[in-house]
């Protein structure tokens, strides 16, 4: 599982990673954020919602 925020200073992704790990789920925080991921030309799949 990858958690991300809108930017590098958002703490919500770090909190989500901690909670996921406590639940036994392997999780990491995406450094930067989704805009940087997309700008680098990396793939993005549709999500829930």
PDB file of N, CA and C in Angstrom:
ATOM      1  N   UNK A   1       0.859  -1.151   0.000  1.00  0.00           N
ATOM      2  CA  UNK A   1       0.000   0.000   0.000  1.00  0.00           C
ATOM      3  C   UNK A   1       0.915   1.226   0.000  1.00  0.00           C
ATOM      4  N   UNK A   2       0.557   2.207  -0.793  1.00  0.00           N
ATOM      5  CA  UNK A   2       1.308   3.461  -0.844  1.00  0.00           C
ATOM      6  C   UNK A   2       0.380   4.584  -0.411  1.00  0.00           C
ATOM      7  N   UNK A   3       0.831   5.376   0.556  1.00  0.00           N
ATOM      8  CA  UNK A   3       0.059   6.536   1.008  1.00  0.00           C
ATOM      9  C   UNK A   3       0.746   7.795   0.494  1.00  0.00           C
ATOM     10  N   UNK A   4      -0.051   8.770   0.095  1.00  0.00           N
ATOM     11  CA  UNK A   4       0.540  10.013  -0.394  1.00  0.00           C
ATOM     12  C   UNK A   4      -0.310  11.202   0.027  1.00  0.00           C
ATOM     13  N   UNK A   5       0.312  12.359   0.001  1.00  0.00           N
ATOM     14  CA  UNK A   5      -0.370  13.623   0.285  1.00  0.00           C
ATOM     15  C   UNK A   5      -0.161  14.550  -0.900  1.00  0.00           C
ATOM     16  N   UNK A   6      -0.591  15.761  -0.742  1.00  0.00           N
ATOM     17  CA  UNK A   6      -0.438  16.732  -1.812  1.00  0.00           C
ATOM     18  C   UNK A   6       0.968  17.301  -1.887  1.00  0.00           C
ATOM     19  N   UNK A   7       1.758  17.115  -0.860  1.00  0.00           N
ATOM     20  CA  UNK A   7       3.114  17.643  -0.876  1.00  0.00           C
ATOM     21  C   UNK A   7       3.967  17.005   0.199  1.00  0.00           C
ATOM     22  N   UNK A   8       5.256  17.329   0.221  1.00  0.00           N
ATOM     23  CA  UNK A   8       6.187  16.672   1.129  1.00  0.00           C
ATOM     24  C   UNK A   8       5.999  17.019   2.606  1.00  0.00           C
ATOM     25  N   UNK A   9       5.257  18.067   2.921  1.00  0.00           N
ATOM     26  CA  UNK A   9       5.114  18.474   4.323  1.00  0.00           C
ATOM     27  C   UNK A   9       3.800  18.028   4.954  1.00  0.00           C
ATOM     28  N   UNK A  10       2.999  17.296   4.219  1.00  0.00           N
ATOM     29  CA  UNK A  10       1.731  16.784   4.734  1.00  0.00           C
ATOM     30  C   UNK A  10       2.002  15.620   5.682  1.00  0.00           C
ATOM     31  N   UNK A  11       1.404  15.639   6.849  1.00  0.00           N
ATOM     32  CA  UNK A  11       1.625  14.573   7.828  1.00  0.00           C
ATOM     33  C   UNK A  11       0.579  13.463   7.741  1.00  0.00           C
ATOM     34  N   UNK A  12      -0.456  13.673   6.980  1.00  0.00           N
ATOM     35  CA  UNK A  12      -1.533  12.688   6.920  1.00  0.00           C
ATOM     36  C   UNK A  12      -1.068  11.359   6.338  1.00  0.00           C
ATOM     37  N   UNK A  13      -0.202  11.384   5.340  1.00  0.00           N
ATOM     38  CA  UNK A  13       0.284  10.142   4.746  1.00  0.00           C
ATOM     39  C   UNK A  13       1.114   9.356   5.754  1.00  0.00           C
ATOM     40  N   UNK A  14       1.930  10.046   6.524  1.00  0.00           N
ATOM     41  CA  UNK A  14       2.746   9.366   7.534  1.00  0.00           C
ATOM     42  C   UNK A  14       1.865   8.706   8.584  1.00  0.00           C
ATOM     43  N   UNK A  15       0.810   9.386   8.982  1.00  0.00           N
ATOM     44  CA  UNK A  15      -0.136   8.832   9.952  1.00  0.00           C
ATOM     45  C   UNK A  15      -0.825   7.601   9.366  1.00  0.00           C
ATOM     46  N   UNK A  16      -1.222   7.694   8.104  1.00  0.00           N
ATOM     47  CA  UNK A  16      -1.880   6.560   7.448  1.00  0.00           C
ATOM     48  C   UNK A  16      -0.951   5.356   7.382  1.00  0.00           C
ATOM     49  N   UNK A  17       0.311   5.582   7.045  1.00  0.00           N
ATOM     50  CA  UNK A  17       1.284   4.488   6.973  1.00  0.00           C
ATOM     51  C   UNK A  17       1.431   3.822   8.337  1.00  0.00           C
ATOM     52  N   UNK A  18       1.526   4.615   9.388  1.00  0.00           N
ATOM     53  CA  UNK A  18       1.661   4.057  10.738  1.00  0.00           C
ATOM     54  C   UNK A  18       0.452   3.195  11.094  1.00  0.00           C
ATOM     55  N   UNK A  19      -0.746   3.673  10.779  1.00  0.00           N
ATOM     56  CA  UNK A  19      -1.957   2.920  11.093  1.00  0.00           C
ATOM     57  C   UNK A  19      -2.049   1.644  10.265  1.00  0.00           C
ATOM     58  N   UNK A  20      -1.678   1.710   9.002  1.00  0.00           N
ATOM     59  CA  UNK A  20      -1.696   0.517   8.153  1.00  0.00           C
ATOM     60  C   UNK A  20      -0.704  -0.520   8.658  1.00  0.00           C
ATOM     61  N   UNK A  21       0.481  -0.070   9.028  1.00  0.00           N
ATOM     62  CA  UNK A  21       1.491  -1.000   9.540  1.00  0.00           C
ATOM     63  C   UNK A  21       1.037  -1.641  10.848  1.00  0.00           C
ATOM     64  N   UNK A  22       0.384  -0.867  11.712  1.00  0.00           N
ATOM     65  CA  UNK A  22      -0.143  -1.418  12.966  1.00  0.00           C
ATOM     66  C   UNK A  22      -1.180  -2.505  12.685  1.00  0.00           C
ATOM     67  N   UNK A  23      -1.878  -2.387  11.576  1.00  0.00           N
ATOM     68  CA  UNK A  23      -2.891  -3.367  11.188  1.00  0.00           C
ATOM     69  C   UNK A  23      -2.280  -4.547  10.436  1.00  0.00           C
ATOM     70  N   UNK A  24      -0.952  -4.553  10.305  1.00  0.00           N
ATOM     71  CA  UNK A  24      -0.281  -5.653   9.646  1.00  0.00           C
ATOM     72  C   UNK A  24      -0.175  -5.541   8.136  1.00  0.00           C
ATOM     73  N   UNK A  25      -0.430  -4.347   7.614  1.00  0.00           N
ATOM     74  CA  UNK A  25      -0.376  -4.117   6.170  1.00  0.00           C
ATOM     75  C   UNK A  25       0.953  -3.457   5.819  1.00  0.00           C
ATOM     76  N   UNK A  26       1.629  -3.976   4.818  1.00  0.00           N
ATOM     77  CA  UNK A  26       2.872  -3.378   4.358  1.00  0.00           C
ATOM     78  C   UNK A  26       2.535  -2.058   3.665  1.00  0.00           C
ATOM     79  N   UNK A  27       3.114  -0.968   4.150  1.00  0.00           N
ATOM     80  CA  UNK A  27       2.798   0.347   3.603  1.00  0.00           C
ATOM     81  C   UNK A  27       4.032   1.232   3.603  1.00  0.00           C
ATOM     82  N   UNK A  28       4.090   2.118   2.611  1.00  0.00           N
ATOM     83  CA  UNK A  28       5.158   3.110   2.512  1.00  0.00           C
ATOM     84  C   UNK A  28       4.558   4.457   2.143  1.00  0.00           C
ATOM     85  N   UNK A  29       5.282   5.514   2.445  1.00  0.00           N
ATOM     86  CA  UNK A  29       4.851   6.864   2.100  1.00  0.00           C
ATOM     87  C   UNK A  29       5.530   7.282   0.806  1.00  0.00           C
ATOM     88  N   UNK A  30       4.758   7.772  -0.127  1.00  0.00           N
ATOM     89  CA  UNK A  30       5.293   8.282  -1.377  1.00  0.00           C
ATOM     90  C   UNK A  30       5.909   9.638  -1.112  1.00  0.00           C
ATOM     91  N   UNK A  31       7.199   9.756  -1.345  1.00  0.00           N
ATOM     92  CA  UNK A  31       7.864  11.042  -1.165  1.00  0.00           C
ATOM     93  C   UNK A  31       7.417  11.994  -2.263  1.00  0.00           C
ATOM     94  N   UNK A  32       7.202  13.231  -1.920  1.00  0.00           N
ATOM     95  CA  UNK A  32       6.786  14.231  -2.894  1.00  0.00           C
ATOM     96  C   UNK A  32       5.285  14.333  -2.948  1.00  0.00           C
ATOM     97  N   UNK A  33       4.657  13.509  -3.712  1.00  0.00           N
ATOM     98  CA  UNK A  33       3.212  13.532  -3.847  1.00  0.00           C
ATOM     99  C   UNK A  33       2.796  13.084  -5.234  1.00  0.00           C
ATOM    100  N   UNK A  34       1.514  12.994  -5.445  1.00  0.00           N
ATOM    101  CA  UNK A  34       0.990  12.529  -6.722  1.00  0.00           C
ATOM    102  C   UNK A  34       1.352  13.460  -7.884  1.00  0.00           C
ATOM    103  N   UNK A  35       1.316  14.780  -7.710  1.00  0.00           N
ATOM    104  CA  UNK A  35       1.700  15.643  -8.841  1.00  0.00           C
ATOM    105  C   UNK A  35       3.135  15.369  -9.324  1.00  0.00           C
ATOM    106  N   UNK A  36       4.038  15.142  -8.379  1.00  0.00           N
ATOM    107  CA  UNK A  36       5.421  14.863  -8.754  1.00  0.00           C
ATOM    108  C   UNK A  36       5.535  13.503  -9.444  1.00  0.00           C
ATOM    109  N   UNK A  37       4.751  12.523  -8.958  1.00  0.00           N
ATOM    110  CA  UNK A  37       4.719  11.193  -9.558  1.00  0.00           C
ATOM    111  C   UNK A  37       4.281  11.297 -11.020  1.00  0.00           C
ATOM    112  N   UNK A  38       3.180  12.018 -11.239  1.00  0.00           N
ATOM    113  CA  UNK A  38       2.670  12.181 -12.601  1.00  0.00           C
ATOM    114  C   UNK A  38       3.647  12.959 -13.472  1.00  0.00           C
ATOM    115  N   UNK A  39       4.240  14.019 -12.932  1.00  0.00           N
ATOM    116  CA  UNK A  39       5.192  14.842 -13.691  1.00  0.00           C
ATOM    117  C   UNK A  39       6.395  14.023 -14.148  1.00  0.00           C
ATOM    118  N   UNK A  40       6.735  12.994 -13.380  1.00  0.00           N
ATOM    119  CA  UNK A  40       7.848  12.124 -13.746  1.00  0.00           C
ATOM    120  C   UNK A  40       7.448  11.094 -14.813  1.00  0.00           C
ATOM    121  N   UNK A  41       6.164  11.120 -15.219  1.00  0.00           N
ATOM    122  CA  UNK A  41       5.682  10.217 -16.254  1.00  0.00           C
ATOM    123  C   UNK A  41       5.380   8.817 -15.763  1.00  0.00           C
ATOM    124  N   UNK A  42       5.222   8.669 -14.454  1.00  0.00           N
ATOM    125  CA  UNK A  42       4.922   7.347 -13.890  1.00  0.00           C
ATOM    126  C   UNK A  42       3.433   7.041 -14.055  1.00  0.00           C
ATOM    127  N   UNK A  43       3.085   5.754 -14.111  1.00  0.00           N
ATOM    128  CA  UNK A  43       1.676   5.382 -14.335  1.00  0.00           C
ATOM    129  C   UNK A  43       0.791   5.649 -13.127  1.00  0.00           C
ATOM    130  N   UNK A  44      -0.459   5.967 -13.411  1.00  0.00           N
ATOM    131  CA  UNK A  44      -1.466   6.185 -12.362  1.00  0.00           C
ATOM    132  C   UNK A  44      -2.711   5.414 -12.764  1.00  0.00           C
ATOM    133  N   UNK A  45      -3.190   4.579 -11.854  1.00  0.00           N
ATOM    134  CA  UNK A  45      -4.398   3.800 -12.098  1.00  0.00           C
ATOM    135  C   UNK A  45      -5.564   4.456 -11.363  1.00  0.00           C
ATOM    136  N   UNK A  46      -6.758   4.254 -11.850  1.00  0.00           N
ATOM    137  CA  UNK A  46      -7.944   4.787 -11.205  1.00  0.00           C
ATOM    138  C   UNK A  46      -8.151   4.166  -9.841  1.00  0.00           C
ATOM    139  N   UNK A  47      -8.748   4.919  -8.945  1.00  0.00           N
ATOM    140  CA  UNK A  47      -8.980   4.425  -7.595  1.00  0.00           C
ATOM    141  C   UNK A  47     -10.447   4.232  -7.299  1.00  0.00           C
ATOM    142  N   UNK A  48     -10.730   4.037  -6.060  1.00  0.00           N
ATOM    143  CA  UNK A  48     -12.094   3.845  -5.588  1.00  0.00           C
ATOM    144  C   UNK A  48     -12.755   5.213  -5.469  1.00  0.00           C
ATOM    145  N   UNK A  49     -13.992   5.311  -5.876  1.00  0.00           N
ATOM    146  CA  UNK A  49     -14.722   6.547  -5.652  1.00  0.00           C
ATOM    147  C   UNK A  49     -15.088   7.300  -6.828  1.00  0.00           C
TER     148      UNK A  49
END
